[in-house]
């Protein structure tokens, strides 16, 4: 069955860094566009970043551009999110997901664009 398992979350101070990983199984990862979303308490789940299957194109939310980097290793069926210069505003549960459309340049930014989701990993940034 399809599984997306996130790891790497934790608690850091503002200005710190974390690297999230998402291990995928049960579908053809190398053919899939992958994304990261996050959800803070009391807020809607929001888009963070996405990367196409060839790693030739990625897209970021304005709030994380220049601080976060999405990458993937198709040999390991894993997608990563490197998060630098974290702020308290980045505190949320982070989810990885598979884009149902699999576009190469038009990457999904809405939750409805994604069909498979992980269980999430908590990131807490203190000031």
PDB file of N, CA and C in Angstrom:
ATOM      1  N   UNK A   1       0.833  -1.181   0.000  1.00  0.00           N
ATOM      2  CA  UNK A   1       0.000   0.000   0.000  1.00  0.00           C
ATOM      3  C   UNK A   1       0.880   1.248   0.000  1.00  0.00           C
ATOM      4  N   UNK A   2       0.257   2.368  -0.342  1.00  0.00           N
ATOM      5  CA  UNK A   2       0.978   3.632  -0.401  1.00  0.00           C
ATOM      6  C   UNK A   2       1.353   4.089   1.010  1.00  0.00           C
ATOM      7  N   UNK A   3       2.624   4.478   1.141  1.00  0.00           N
ATOM      8  CA  UNK A   3       3.077   5.043   2.408  1.00  0.00           C
ATOM      9  C   UNK A   3       3.989   6.225   2.149  1.00  0.00           C
ATOM     10  N   UNK A   4       3.775   7.279   2.915  1.00  0.00           N
ATOM     11  CA  UNK A   4       4.669   8.432   2.960  1.00  0.00           C
ATOM     12  C   UNK A   4       4.984   8.658   4.435  1.00  0.00           C
ATOM     13  N   UNK A   5       6.261   8.552   4.770  1.00  0.00           N
ATOM     14  CA  UNK A   5       6.664   8.639   6.172  1.00  0.00           C
ATOM     15  C   UNK A   5       7.660   9.771   6.344  1.00  0.00           C
ATOM     16  N   UNK A   6       7.223  10.823   7.044  1.00  0.00           N
ATOM     17  CA  UNK A   6       8.083  11.972   7.298  1.00  0.00           C
ATOM     18  C   UNK A   6       8.927  11.750   8.547  1.00  0.00           C
ATOM     19  N   UNK A   7      10.079  12.381   8.555  1.00  0.00           N
ATOM     20  CA  UNK A   7      10.951  12.361   9.732  1.00  0.00           C
ATOM     21  C   UNK A   7      11.810  13.605   9.721  1.00  0.00           C
ATOM     22  N   UNK A   8      12.487  13.859  10.847  1.00  0.00           N
ATOM     23  CA  UNK A   8      13.409  14.980  10.913  1.00  0.00           C
ATOM     24  C   UNK A   8      12.890  16.203  11.624  1.00  0.00           C
ATOM     25  N   UNK A   9      11.641  16.179  12.040  1.00  0.00           N
ATOM     26  CA  UNK A   9      11.106  17.312  12.770  1.00  0.00           C
ATOM     27  C   UNK A   9      11.717  17.403  14.157  1.00  0.00           C
ATOM     28  N   UNK A  10      11.424  18.510  14.824  1.00  0.00           N
ATOM     29  CA  UNK A  10      11.945  18.699  16.174  1.00  0.00           C
ATOM     30  C   UNK A  10      11.784  20.126  16.618  1.00  0.00           C
ATOM     31  N   UNK A  11      12.497  20.467  17.697  1.00  0.00           N
ATOM     32  CA  UNK A  11      12.437  21.807  18.261  1.00  0.00           C
ATOM     33  C   UNK A  11      13.783  22.490  18.073  1.00  0.00           C
ATOM     34  N   UNK A  12      13.732  23.717  17.546  1.00  0.00           N
ATOM     35  CA  UNK A  12      14.954  24.494  17.340  1.00  0.00           C
ATOM     36  C   UNK A  12      14.684  25.938  17.731  1.00  0.00           C
ATOM     37  N   UNK A  13      15.758  26.668  17.918  1.00  0.00           N
ATOM     38  CA  UNK A  13      15.624  28.095  18.178  1.00  0.00           C
ATOM     39  C   UNK A  13      15.592  28.862  16.867  1.00  0.00           C
ATOM     40  N   UNK A  14      15.041  30.041  16.925  1.00  0.00           N
ATOM     41  CA  UNK A  14      14.989  30.894  15.739  1.00  0.00           C
ATOM     42  C   UNK A  14      16.391  31.055  15.157  1.00  0.00           C
ATOM     43  N   UNK A  15      16.452  30.990  13.826  1.00  0.00           N
ATOM     44  CA  UNK A  15      17.735  31.057  13.147  1.00  0.00           C
ATOM     45  C   UNK A  15      18.360  29.701  12.877  1.00  0.00           C
ATOM     46  N   UNK A  16      17.795  28.670  13.483  1.00  0.00           N
ATOM     47  CA  UNK A  16      18.327  27.330  13.311  1.00  0.00           C
ATOM     48  C   UNK A  16      17.858  26.668  12.036  1.00  0.00           C
ATOM     49  N   UNK A  17      18.277  25.425  11.854  1.00  0.00           N
ATOM     50  CA  UNK A  17      17.975  24.668  10.641  1.00  0.00           C
ATOM     51  C   UNK A  17      17.469  23.273  10.994  1.00  0.00           C
ATOM     52  N   UNK A  18      16.674  22.733  10.100  1.00  0.00           N
ATOM     53  CA  UNK A  18      16.233  21.346  10.173  1.00  0.00           C
ATOM     54  C   UNK A  18      16.146  20.798   8.765  1.00  0.00           C
ATOM     55  N   UNK A  19      16.313  19.499   8.635  1.00  0.00           N
ATOM     56  CA  UNK A  19      16.133  18.824   7.357  1.00  0.00           C
ATOM     57  C   UNK A  19      15.088  17.745   7.529  1.00  0.00           C
ATOM     58  N   UNK A  20      13.984  17.902   6.832  1.00  0.00           N
ATOM     59  CA  UNK A  20      12.929  16.909   6.851  1.00  0.00           C
ATOM     60  C   UNK A  20      13.132  15.917   5.720  1.00  0.00           C
ATOM     61  N   UNK A  21      12.765  14.675   5.986  1.00  0.00           N
ATOM     62  CA  UNK A  21      12.805  13.624   4.970  1.00  0.00           C
ATOM     63  C   UNK A  21      11.427  12.989   4.864  1.00  0.00           C
ATOM     64  N   UNK A  22      11.138  12.480   3.681  1.00  0.00           N
ATOM     65  CA  UNK A  22       9.871  11.775   3.464  1.00  0.00           C
ATOM     66  C   UNK A  22      10.176  10.562   2.602  1.00  0.00           C
ATOM     67  N   UNK A  23      10.036   9.390   3.193  1.00  0.00           N
ATOM     68  CA  UNK A  23      10.281   8.139   2.489  1.00  0.00           C
ATOM     69  C   UNK A  23       8.977   7.619   1.901  1.00  0.00           C
ATOM     70  N   UNK A  24       9.000   7.331   0.606  1.00  0.00           N
ATOM     71  CA  UNK A  24       7.793   6.923  -0.108  1.00  0.00           C
ATOM     72  C   UNK A  24       7.860   5.459  -0.519  1.00  0.00           C
ATOM     73  N   UNK A  25       6.706   4.831  -0.559  1.00  0.00           N
ATOM     74  CA  UNK A  25       6.600   3.463  -1.052  1.00  0.00           C
ATOM     75  C   UNK A  25       5.184   3.209  -1.535  1.00  0.00           C
ATOM     76  N   UNK A  26       5.023   2.190  -2.369  1.00  0.00           N
ATOM     77  CA  UNK A  26       3.696   1.794  -2.825  1.00  0.00           C
ATOM     78  C   UNK A  26       3.206   2.471  -4.089  1.00  0.00           C
ATOM     79  N   UNK A  27       4.028   3.337  -4.682  1.00  0.00           N
ATOM     80  CA  UNK A  27       3.697   3.968  -5.962  1.00  0.00           C
ATOM     81  C   UNK A  27       5.012   4.308  -6.667  1.00  0.00           C
ATOM     82  N   UNK A  28       4.919   4.719  -7.910  1.00  0.00           N
ATOM     83  CA  UNK A  28       6.117   4.995  -8.697  1.00  0.00           C
ATOM     84  C   UNK A  28       6.625   6.391  -8.353  1.00  0.00           C
ATOM     85  N   UNK A  29       7.498   6.431  -7.371  1.00  0.00           N
ATOM     86  CA  UNK A  29       7.996   7.715  -6.866  1.00  0.00           C
ATOM     87  C   UNK A  29       8.703   8.506  -7.957  1.00  0.00           C
ATOM     88  N   UNK A  30       9.514   7.847  -8.755  1.00  0.00           N
ATOM     89  CA  UNK A  30      10.334   8.558  -9.749  1.00  0.00           C
ATOM     90  C   UNK A  30       9.497   9.234 -10.833  1.00  0.00           C
ATOM     91  N   UNK A  31       8.222   8.876 -10.934  1.00  0.00           N
ATOM     92  CA  UNK A  31       7.329   9.493 -11.922  1.00  0.00           C
ATOM     93  C   UNK A  31       6.416  10.540 -11.294  1.00  0.00           C
ATOM     94  N   UNK A  32       6.611  10.802 -10.028  1.00  0.00           N
ATOM     95  CA  UNK A  32       5.671  11.640  -9.273  1.00  0.00           C
ATOM     96  C   UNK A  32       6.263  12.986  -8.891  1.00  0.00           C
ATOM     97  N   UNK A  33       5.473  14.034  -9.084  1.00  0.00           N
ATOM     98  CA  UNK A  33       5.789  15.337  -8.491  1.00  0.00           C
ATOM     99  C   UNK A  33       5.451  15.247  -7.009  1.00  0.00           C
ATOM    100  N   UNK A  34       6.334  15.785  -6.189  1.00  0.00           N
ATOM    101  CA  UNK A  34       6.159  15.707  -4.736  1.00  0.00           C
ATOM    102  C   UNK A  34       6.127  17.102  -4.128  1.00  0.00           C
ATOM    103  N   UNK A  35       5.391  17.213  -3.027  1.00  0.00           N
ATOM    104  CA  UNK A  35       5.275  18.509  -2.382  1.00  0.00           C
ATOM    105  C   UNK A  35       5.332  18.410  -0.873  1.00  0.00           C
ATOM    106  N   UNK A  36       5.583  19.562  -0.257  1.00  0.00           N
ATOM    107  CA  UNK A  36       5.524  19.716   1.190  1.00  0.00           C
ATOM    108  C   UNK A  36       4.468  20.769   1.515  1.00  0.00           C
ATOM    109  N   UNK A  37       3.694  20.472   2.537  1.00  0.00           N
ATOM    110  CA  UNK A  37       2.723  21.408   3.080  1.00  0.00           C
ATOM    111  C   UNK A  37       2.966  21.524   4.581  1.00  0.00           C
ATOM    112  N   UNK A  38       2.337  22.504   5.198  1.00  0.00           N
ATOM    113  CA  UNK A  38       2.414  22.631   6.645  1.00  0.00           C
ATOM    114  C   UNK A  38       1.091  23.154   7.183  1.00  0.00           C
ATOM    115  N   UNK A  39       0.846  22.822   8.448  1.00  0.00           N
ATOM    116  CA  UNK A  39      -0.372  23.268   9.095  1.00  0.00           C
ATOM    117  C   UNK A  39      -0.074  23.672  10.524  1.00  0.00           C
ATOM    118  N   UNK A  40      -0.293  24.948  10.801  1.00  0.00           N
ATOM    119  CA  UNK A  40      -0.128  25.478  12.153  1.00  0.00           C
ATOM    120  C   UNK A  40      -1.455  25.344  12.899  1.00  0.00           C
ATOM    121  N   UNK A  41      -1.420  25.326  14.225  1.00  0.00           N
ATOM    122  CA  UNK A  41      -2.657  25.195  15.009  1.00  0.00           C
ATOM    123  C   UNK A  41      -3.673  26.278  14.650  1.00  0.00           C
ATOM    124  N   UNK A  42      -4.893  25.856  14.368  1.00  0.00           N
ATOM    125  CA  UNK A  42      -5.959  26.789  14.059  1.00  0.00           C
ATOM    126  C   UNK A  42      -5.928  27.372  12.666  1.00  0.00           C
ATOM    127  N   UNK A  43      -4.996  26.888  11.833  1.00  0.00           N
ATOM    128  CA  UNK A  43      -4.868  27.429  10.473  1.00  0.00           C
ATOM    129  C   UNK A  43      -5.087  26.343   9.434  1.00  0.00           C
ATOM    130  N   UNK A  44      -5.349  26.795   8.211  1.00  0.00           N
ATOM    131  CA  UNK A  44      -5.500  25.867   7.101  1.00  0.00           C
ATOM    132  C   UNK A  44      -4.131  25.283   6.715  1.00  0.00           C
ATOM    133  N   UNK A  45      -4.176  24.100   6.143  1.00  0.00           N
ATOM    134  CA  UNK A  45      -2.939  23.519   5.613  1.00  0.00           C
ATOM    135  C   UNK A  45      -2.495  24.354   4.418  1.00  0.00           C
ATOM    136  N   UNK A  46      -1.217  24.700   4.376  1.00  0.00           N
ATOM    137  CA  UNK A  46      -0.723  25.573   3.309  1.00  0.00           C
ATOM    138  C   UNK A  46       0.466  24.968   2.582  1.00  0.00           C
ATOM    139  N   UNK A  47       0.559  25.343   1.324  1.00  0.00           N
ATOM    140  CA  UNK A  47       1.647  24.885   0.463  1.00  0.00           C
ATOM    141  C   UNK A  47       2.974  25.473   0.918  1.00  0.00           C
ATOM    142  N   UNK A  48       4.024  24.639   0.850  1.00  0.00           N
ATOM    143  CA  UNK A  48       5.369  25.088   1.173  1.00  0.00           C
ATOM    144  C   UNK A  48       6.272  25.020  -0.056  1.00  0.00           C
ATOM    145  N   UNK A  49       6.354  23.843  -0.676  1.00  0.00           N
ATOM    146  CA  UNK A  49       7.266  23.665  -1.805  1.00  0.00           C
ATOM    147  C   UNK A  49       6.879  22.420  -2.585  1.00  0.00           C
ATOM    148  N   UNK A  50       7.283  22.377  -3.854  1.00  0.00           N
ATOM    149  CA  UNK A  50       7.055  21.200  -4.685  1.00  0.00           C
ATOM    150  C   UNK A  50       8.214  21.043  -5.644  1.00  0.00           C
ATOM    151  N   UNK A  51       8.419  19.814  -6.103  1.00  0.00           N
ATOM    152  CA  UNK A  51       9.511  19.512  -7.020  1.00  0.00           C
ATOM    153  C   UNK A  51       9.026  18.495  -8.040  1.00  0.00           C
ATOM    154  N   UNK A  52       9.413  18.684  -9.304  1.00  0.00           N
ATOM    155  CA  UNK A  52       8.954  17.738 -10.313  1.00  0.00           C
ATOM    156  C   UNK A  52       9.781  16.455 -10.273  1.00  0.00           C
ATOM    157  N   UNK A  53       9.381  15.494 -11.074  1.00  0.00           N
ATOM    158  CA  UNK A  53       9.954  14.154 -10.955  1.00  0.00           C
ATOM    159  C   UNK A  53      11.431  14.112 -11.336  1.00  0.00           C
ATOM    160  N   UNK A  54      11.858  15.060 -12.190  1.00  0.00           N
ATOM    161  CA  UNK A  54      13.247  15.059 -12.667  1.00  0.00           C
ATOM    162  C   UNK A  54      14.132  15.994 -11.861  1.00  0.00           C
ATOM    163  N   UNK A  55      13.559  16.674 -10.857  1.00  0.00           N
ATOM    164  CA  UNK A  55      14.271  17.699 -10.082  1.00  0.00           C
ATOM    165  C   UNK A  55      14.710  18.877 -10.934  1.00  0.00           C
ATOM    166  N   UNK A  56      14.099  19.040 -12.088  1.00  0.00           N
ATOM    167  CA  UNK A  56      14.481  20.135 -12.980  1.00  0.00           C
ATOM    168  C   UNK A  56      13.729  21.424 -12.679  1.00  0.00           C
ATOM    169  N   UNK A  57      12.676  21.325 -11.887  1.00  0.00           N
ATOM    170  CA  UNK A  57      11.894  22.511 -11.556  1.00  0.00           C
ATOM    171  C   UNK A  57      11.303  22.353 -10.166  1.00  0.00           C
ATOM    172  N   UNK A  58      11.365  23.438  -9.403  1.00  0.00           N
ATOM    173  CA  UNK A  58      10.747  23.457  -8.081  1.00  0.00           C
ATOM    174  C   UNK A  58      10.044  24.799  -7.883  1.00  0.00           C
ATOM    175  N   UNK A  59       9.145  24.809  -6.943  1.00  0.00           N
ATOM    176  CA  UNK A  59       8.329  26.001  -6.693  1.00  0.00           C
ATOM    177  C   UNK A  59       8.151  26.154  -5.187  1.00  0.00           C
ATOM    178  N   UNK A  60       8.189  27.405  -4.722  1.00  0.00           N
ATOM    179  CA  UNK A  60       8.124  27.664  -3.286  1.00  0.00           C
ATOM    180  C   UNK A  60       7.060  28.697  -2.953  1.00  0.00           C
ATOM    181  N   UNK A  61       6.506  28.574  -1.764  1.00  0.00           N
ATOM    182  CA  UNK A  61       5.676  29.637  -1.230  1.00  0.00           C
ATOM    183  C   UNK A  61       6.551  30.849  -0.963  1.00  0.00           C
ATOM    184  N   UNK A  62       5.986  32.030  -1.134  1.00  0.00           N
ATOM    185  CA  UNK A  62       6.759  33.257  -0.924  1.00  0.00           C
ATOM    186  C   UNK A  62       7.336  33.316   0.489  1.00  0.00           C
ATOM    187  N   UNK A  63       6.618  32.770   1.453  1.00  0.00           N
ATOM    188  CA  UNK A  63       7.034  32.863   2.854  1.00  0.00           C
ATOM    189  C   UNK A  63       8.299  32.072   3.159  1.00  0.00           C
ATOM    190  N   UNK A  64       8.660  31.129   2.301  1.00  0.00           N
ATOM    191  CA  UNK A  64       9.837  30.299   2.575  1.00  0.00           C
ATOM    192  C   UNK A  64      10.916  30.449   1.508  1.00  0.00           C
ATOM    193  N   UNK A  65      10.628  31.182   0.455  1.00  0.00           N
ATOM    194  CA  UNK A  65      11.577  31.325  -0.650  1.00  0.00           C
ATOM    195  C   UNK A  65      12.891  31.911  -0.137  1.00  0.00           C
ATOM    196  N   UNK A  66      13.983  31.304  -0.531  1.00  0.00           N
ATOM    197  CA  UNK A  66      15.301  31.754  -0.098  1.00  0.00           C
ATOM    198  C   UNK A  66      15.766  31.144   1.211  1.00  0.00           C
ATOM    199  N   UNK A  67      14.866  30.494   1.938  1.00  0.00           N
ATOM    200  CA  UNK A  67      15.232  29.863   3.216  1.00  0.00           C
ATOM    201  C   UNK A  67      15.105  28.342   3.158  1.00  0.00           C
ATOM    202  N   UNK A  68      14.117  27.857   2.406  1.00  0.00           N
ATOM    203  CA  UNK A  68      13.866  26.415   2.314  1.00  0.00           C
ATOM    204  C   UNK A  68      14.285  25.913   0.942  1.00  0.00           C
ATOM    205  N   UNK A  69      14.741  24.652   0.903  1.00  0.00           N
ATOM    206  CA  UNK A  69      15.104  24.007  -0.357  1.00  0.00           C
ATOM    207  C   UNK A  69      14.522  22.610  -0.390  1.00  0.00           C
ATOM    208  N   UNK A  70      13.767  22.322  -1.442  1.00  0.00           N
ATOM    209  CA  UNK A  70      13.228  20.987  -1.643  1.00  0.00           C
ATOM    210  C   UNK A  70      14.140  20.234  -2.597  1.00  0.00           C
ATOM    211  N   UNK A  71      14.341  18.951  -2.330  1.00  0.00           N
ATOM    212  CA  UNK A  71      15.161  18.115  -3.195  1.00  0.00           C
ATOM    213  C   UNK A  71      14.629  16.689  -3.109  1.00  0.00           C
ATOM    214  N   UNK A  72      15.155  15.829  -3.960  1.00  0.00           N
ATOM    215  CA  UNK A  72      14.706  14.448  -3.951  1.00  0.00           C
ATOM    216  C   UNK A  72      15.812  13.531  -4.412  1.00  0.00           C
ATOM    217  N   UNK A  73      15.705  12.283  -4.012  1.00  0.00           N
ATOM    218  CA  UNK A  73      16.622  11.237  -4.446  1.00  0.00           C
ATOM    219  C   UNK A  73      15.749  10.091  -4.932  1.00  0.00           C
ATOM    220  N   UNK A  74      15.617   9.966  -6.234  1.00  0.00           N
ATOM    221  CA  UNK A  74      14.725   8.934  -6.776  1.00  0.00           C
ATOM    222  C   UNK A  74      15.255   7.526  -6.510  1.00  0.00           C
ATOM    223  N   UNK A  75      16.552   7.388  -6.349  1.00  0.00           N
ATOM    224  CA  UNK A  75      17.112   6.062  -6.042  1.00  0.00           C
ATOM    225  C   UNK A  75      16.707   5.616  -4.637  1.00  0.00           C
ATOM    226  N   UNK A  76      16.442   6.572  -3.768  1.00  0.00           N
ATOM    227  CA  UNK A  76      16.055   6.259  -2.396  1.00  0.00           C
ATOM    228  C   UNK A  76      14.566   6.479  -2.136  1.00  0.00           C
ATOM    229  N   UNK A  77      13.828   6.868  -3.174  1.00  0.00           N
ATOM    230  CA  UNK A  77      12.393   7.144  -3.014  1.00  0.00           C
ATOM    231  C   UNK A  77      12.138   8.120  -1.868  1.00  0.00           C
ATOM    232  N   UNK A  78      12.928   9.158  -1.821  1.00  0.00           N
ATOM    233  CA  UNK A  78      12.857  10.094  -0.704  1.00  0.00           C
ATOM    234  C   UNK A  78      12.871  11.539  -1.209  1.00  0.00           C
ATOM    235  N   UNK A  79      12.038  12.355  -0.591  1.00  0.00           N
ATOM    236  CA  UNK A  79      12.036  13.788  -0.851  1.00  0.00           C
ATOM    237  C   UNK A  79      12.428  14.498   0.447  1.00  0.00           C
ATOM    238  N   UNK A  80      13.162  15.585   0.296  1.00  0.00           N
ATOM    239  CA  UNK A  80      13.707  16.310   1.442  1.00  0.00           C
ATOM    240  C   UNK A  80      13.228  17.763   1.461  1.00  0.00           C
ATOM    241  N   UNK A  81      13.260  18.337   2.634  1.00  0.00           N
ATOM    242  CA  UNK A  81      13.027  19.767   2.781  1.00  0.00           C
ATOM    243  C   UNK A  81      14.073  20.316   3.749  1.00  0.00           C
ATOM    244  N   UNK A  82      15.041  21.030   3.204  1.00  0.00           N
ATOM    245  CA  UNK A  82      16.047  21.697   4.019  1.00  0.00           C
ATOM    246  C   UNK A  82      15.502  23.054   4.427  1.00  0.00           C
ATOM    247  N   UNK A  83      15.441  23.285   5.729  1.00  0.00           N
ATOM    248  CA  UNK A  83      14.865  24.526   6.247  1.00  0.00           C
ATOM    249  C   UNK A  83      15.924  25.281   7.028  1.00  0.00           C
ATOM    250  N   UNK A  84      16.267  26.464   6.549  1.00  0.00           N
ATOM    251  CA  UNK A  84      17.284  27.300   7.188  1.00  0.00           C
ATOM    252  C   UNK A  84      16.657  28.587   7.698  1.00  0.00           C
ATOM    253  N   UNK A  85      17.359  29.232   8.600  1.00  0.00           N
ATOM    254  CA  UNK A  85      16.912  30.513   9.153  1.00  0.00           C
ATOM    255  C   UNK A  85      15.450  30.444   9.606  1.00  0.00           C
ATOM    256  N   UNK A  86      15.162  29.444  10.381  1.00  0.00           N
ATOM    257  CA  UNK A  86      13.786  29.225  10.835  1.00  0.00           C
ATOM    258  C   UNK A  86      13.329  30.320  11.770  1.00  0.00           C
ATOM    259  N   UNK A  87      12.041  30.613  11.688  1.00  0.00           N
ATOM    260  CA  UNK A  87      11.417  31.613  12.557  1.00  0.00           C
ATOM    261  C   UNK A  87      10.239  30.968  13.288  1.00  0.00           C
ATOM    262  N   UNK A  88       9.763  31.586  14.371  1.00  0.00           N
ATOM    263  CA  UNK A  88       8.592  31.024  15.067  1.00  0.00           C
ATOM    264  C   UNK A  88       7.388  30.845  14.144  1.00  0.00           C
ATOM    265  N   UNK A  89       7.299  31.659  13.102  1.00  0.00           N
ATOM    266  CA  UNK A  89       6.208  31.542  12.141  1.00  0.00           C
ATOM    267  C   UNK A  89       6.247  30.267  11.321  1.00  0.00           C
ATOM    268  N   UNK A  90       7.366  29.546  11.374  1.00  0.00           N
ATOM    269  CA  UNK A  90       7.477  28.270  10.663  1.00  0.00           C
ATOM    270  C   UNK A  90       6.978  27.099  11.508  1.00  0.00           C
ATOM    271  N   UNK A  91       6.606  27.351  12.741  1.00  0.00           N
ATOM    272  CA  UNK A  91       6.104  26.291  13.609  1.00  0.00           C
ATOM    273  C   UNK A  91       4.823  25.699  13.042  1.00  0.00           C
ATOM    274  N   UNK A  92       4.824  24.396  12.831  1.00  0.00           N
ATOM    275  CA  UNK A  92       3.682  23.720  12.218  1.00  0.00           C
ATOM    276  C   UNK A  92       3.970  22.223  12.143  1.00  0.00           C
ATOM    277  N   UNK A  93       2.946  21.481  11.786  1.00  0.00           N
ATOM    278  CA  UNK A  93       3.148  20.092  11.381  1.00  0.00           C
ATOM    279  C   UNK A  93       3.398  20.106   9.875  1.00  0.00           C
ATOM    280  N   UNK A  94       4.455  19.451   9.453  1.00  0.00           N
ATOM    281  CA  UNK A  94       4.853  19.430   8.043  1.00  0.00           C
ATOM    282  C   UNK A  94       4.486  18.082   7.432  1.00  0.00           C
ATOM    283  N   UNK A  95       3.855  18.151   6.254  1.00  0.00           N
ATOM    284  CA  UNK A  95       3.391  16.958   5.550  1.00  0.00           C
ATOM    285  C   UNK A  95       4.020  16.881   4.162  1.00  0.00           C
ATOM    286  N   UNK A  96       4.393  15.684   3.755  1.00  0.00           N
ATOM    287  CA  UNK A  96       4.747  15.501   2.349  1.00  0.00           C
ATOM    288  C   UNK A  96       3.561  14.856   1.641  1.00  0.00           C
ATOM    289  N   UNK A  97       3.504  15.043   0.333  1.00  0.00           N
ATOM    290  CA  UNK A  97       2.365  14.570  -0.430  1.00  0.00           C
ATOM    291  C   UNK A  97       2.741  14.347  -1.883  1.00  0.00           C
ATOM    292  N   UNK A  98       1.933  13.528  -2.566  1.00  0.00           N
ATOM    293  CA  UNK A  98       2.163  13.243  -3.988  1.00  0.00           C
ATOM    294  C   UNK A  98       1.155  14.014  -4.834  1.00  0.00           C
ATOM    295  N   UNK A  99       1.666  14.774  -5.799  1.00  0.00           N
ATOM    296  CA  UNK A  99       0.829  15.530  -6.726  1.00  0.00           C
ATOM    297  C   UNK A  99       0.120  14.557  -7.670  1.00  0.00           C
ATOM    298  N   UNK A 100      -1.206  14.591  -7.681  1.00  0.00           N
ATOM    299  CA  UNK A 100      -1.964  13.634  -8.478  1.00  0.00           C
ATOM    300  C   UNK A 100      -1.776  13.844  -9.983  1.00  0.00           C
ATOM    301  N   UNK A 101      -1.403  15.049 -10.390  1.00  0.00           N
ATOM    302  CA  UNK A 101      -1.294  15.346 -11.819  1.00  0.00           C
ATOM    303  C   UNK A 101       0.106  15.102 -12.362  1.00  0.00           C
ATOM    304  N   UNK A 102       1.112  15.214 -11.524  1.00  0.00           N
ATOM    305  CA  UNK A 102       2.469  14.911 -11.961  1.00  0.00           C
ATOM    306  C   UNK A 102       3.020  15.841 -13.010  1.00  0.00           C
ATOM    307  N   UNK A 103       2.674  17.128 -12.954  1.00  0.00           N
ATOM    308  CA  UNK A 103       3.178  18.074 -13.933  1.00  0.00           C
ATOM    309  C   UNK A 103       4.670  18.287 -13.808  1.00  0.00           C
ATOM    310  N   UNK A 104       5.284  18.729 -14.919  1.00  0.00           N
ATOM    311  CA  UNK A 104       6.724  18.975 -14.885  1.00  0.00           C
ATOM    312  C   UNK A 104       7.045  20.440 -14.623  1.00  0.00           C
ATOM    313  N   UNK A 105       6.155  21.339 -15.066  1.00  0.00           N
ATOM    314  CA  UNK A 105       6.356  22.767 -14.821  1.00  0.00           C
ATOM    315  C   UNK A 105       5.211  23.382 -14.022  1.00  0.00           C
ATOM    316  N   UNK A 106       4.016  22.858 -14.196  1.00  0.00           N
ATOM    317  CA  UNK A 106       2.848  23.339 -13.457  1.00  0.00           C
ATOM    318  C   UNK A 106       2.667  22.447 -12.236  1.00  0.00           C
ATOM    319  N   UNK A 107       3.271  22.863 -11.124  1.00  0.00           N
ATOM    320  CA  UNK A 107       3.242  22.045  -9.916  1.00  0.00           C
ATOM    321  C   UNK A 107       2.098  22.481  -9.021  1.00  0.00           C
ATOM    322  N   UNK A 108       1.421  21.517  -8.430  1.00  0.00           N
ATOM    323  CA  UNK A 108       0.265  21.815  -7.600  1.00  0.00           C
ATOM    324  C   UNK A 108       0.629  22.596  -6.355  1.00  0.00           C
ATOM    325  N   UNK A 109      -0.237  23.531  -5.977  1.00  0.00           N
ATOM    326  CA  UNK A 109      -0.045  24.298  -4.754  1.00  0.00           C
ATOM    327  C   UNK A 109      -1.249  24.208  -3.827  1.00  0.00           C
ATOM    328  N   UNK A 110      -2.275  23.487  -4.239  1.00  0.00           N
ATOM    329  CA  UNK A 110      -3.480  23.330  -3.434  1.00  0.00           C
ATOM    330  C   UNK A 110      -3.544  21.920  -2.871  1.00  0.00           C
ATOM    331  N   UNK A 111      -4.178  21.768  -1.707  1.00  0.00           N
ATOM    332  CA  UNK A 111      -4.254  20.432  -1.125  1.00  0.00           C
ATOM    333  C   UNK A 111      -5.020  19.481  -2.036  1.00  0.00           C
ATOM    334  N   UNK A 112      -5.979  19.993  -2.786  1.00  0.00           N
ATOM    335  CA  UNK A 112      -6.761  19.127  -3.661  1.00  0.00           C
ATOM    336  C   UNK A 112      -5.964  18.611  -4.845  1.00  0.00           C
ATOM    337  N   UNK A 113      -4.789  19.195  -5.075  1.00  0.00           N
ATOM    338  CA  UNK A 113      -3.927  18.729  -6.164  1.00  0.00           C
ATOM    339  C   UNK A 113      -3.151  17.472  -5.775  1.00  0.00           C
ATOM    340  N   UNK A 114      -3.223  17.089  -4.501  1.00  0.00           N
ATOM    341  CA  UNK A 114      -2.412  15.999  -3.971  1.00  0.00           C
ATOM    342  C   UNK A 114      -3.291  14.863  -3.475  1.00  0.00           C
ATOM    343  N   UNK A 115      -2.872  13.629  -3.752  1.00  0.00           N
ATOM    344  CA  UNK A 115      -3.723  12.491  -3.396  1.00  0.00           C
ATOM    345  C   UNK A 115      -3.169  11.633  -2.269  1.00  0.00           C
ATOM    346  N   UNK A 116      -1.882  11.504  -2.141  1.00  0.00           N
ATOM    347  CA  UNK A 116      -1.294  10.712  -1.063  1.00  0.00           C
ATOM    348  C   UNK A 116      -0.609  11.641  -0.075  1.00  0.00           C
ATOM    349  N   UNK A 117      -0.814  11.385   1.219  1.00  0.00           N
ATOM    350  CA  UNK A 117      -0.273  12.238   2.278  1.00  0.00           C
ATOM    351  C   UNK A 117       0.414  11.404   3.349  1.00  0.00           C
ATOM    352  N   UNK A 118       1.455  11.985   3.927  1.00  0.00           N
ATOM    353  CA  UNK A 118       2.065  11.379   5.088  1.00  0.00           C
ATOM    354  C   UNK A 118       1.334  11.777   6.354  1.00  0.00           C
ATOM    355  N   UNK A 119       1.833  11.284   7.489  1.00  0.00           N
ATOM    356  CA  UNK A 119       1.180  11.542   8.768  1.00  0.00           C
ATOM    357  C   UNK A 119       1.650  12.847   9.410  1.00  0.00           C
ATOM    358  N   UNK A 120       2.735  13.395   8.890  1.00  0.00           N
ATOM    359  CA  UNK A 120       3.212  14.681   9.381  1.00  0.00           C
ATOM    360  C   UNK A 120       4.312  14.558  10.415  1.00  0.00           C
ATOM    361  N   UNK A 121       5.126  15.602  10.495  1.00  0.00           N
ATOM    362  CA  UNK A 121       6.175  15.690  11.511  1.00  0.00           C
ATOM    363  C   UNK A 121       6.160  17.106  12.083  1.00  0.00           C
ATOM    364  N   UNK A 122       6.256  17.200  13.386  1.00  0.00           N
ATOM    365  CA  UNK A 122       6.133  18.490  14.070  1.00  0.00           C
ATOM    366  C   UNK A 122       7.445  19.264  14.021  1.00  0.00           C
ATOM    367  N   UNK A 123       7.351  20.531  13.665  1.00  0.00           N
ATOM    368  CA  UNK A 123       8.479  21.453  13.720  1.00  0.00           C
ATOM    369  C   UNK A 123       8.086  22.601  14.645  1.00  0.00           C
ATOM    370  N   UNK A 124       8.892  22.828  15.669  1.00  0.00           N
ATOM    371  CA  UNK A 124       8.626  23.899  16.626  1.00  0.00           C
ATOM    372  C   UNK A 124       9.842  24.807  16.695  1.00  0.00           C
ATOM    373  N   UNK A 125       9.627  26.094  16.444  1.00  0.00           N
ATOM    374  CA  UNK A 125      10.707  27.078  16.457  1.00  0.00           C
ATOM    375  C   UNK A 125      10.426  28.084  17.578  1.00  0.00           C
ATOM    376  N   UNK A 126      11.364  28.193  18.494  1.00  0.00           N
ATOM    377  CA  UNK A 126      11.208  29.106  19.624  1.00  0.00           C
ATOM    378  C   UNK A 126      12.045  30.368  19.406  1.00  0.00           C
ATOM    379  N   UNK A 127      11.556  31.451  19.975  1.00  0.00           N
ATOM    380  CA  UNK A 127      12.257  32.732  19.783  1.00  0.00           C
ATOM    381  C   UNK A 127      13.337  32.940  20.837  1.00  0.00           C
TER     382      UNK A 127
END
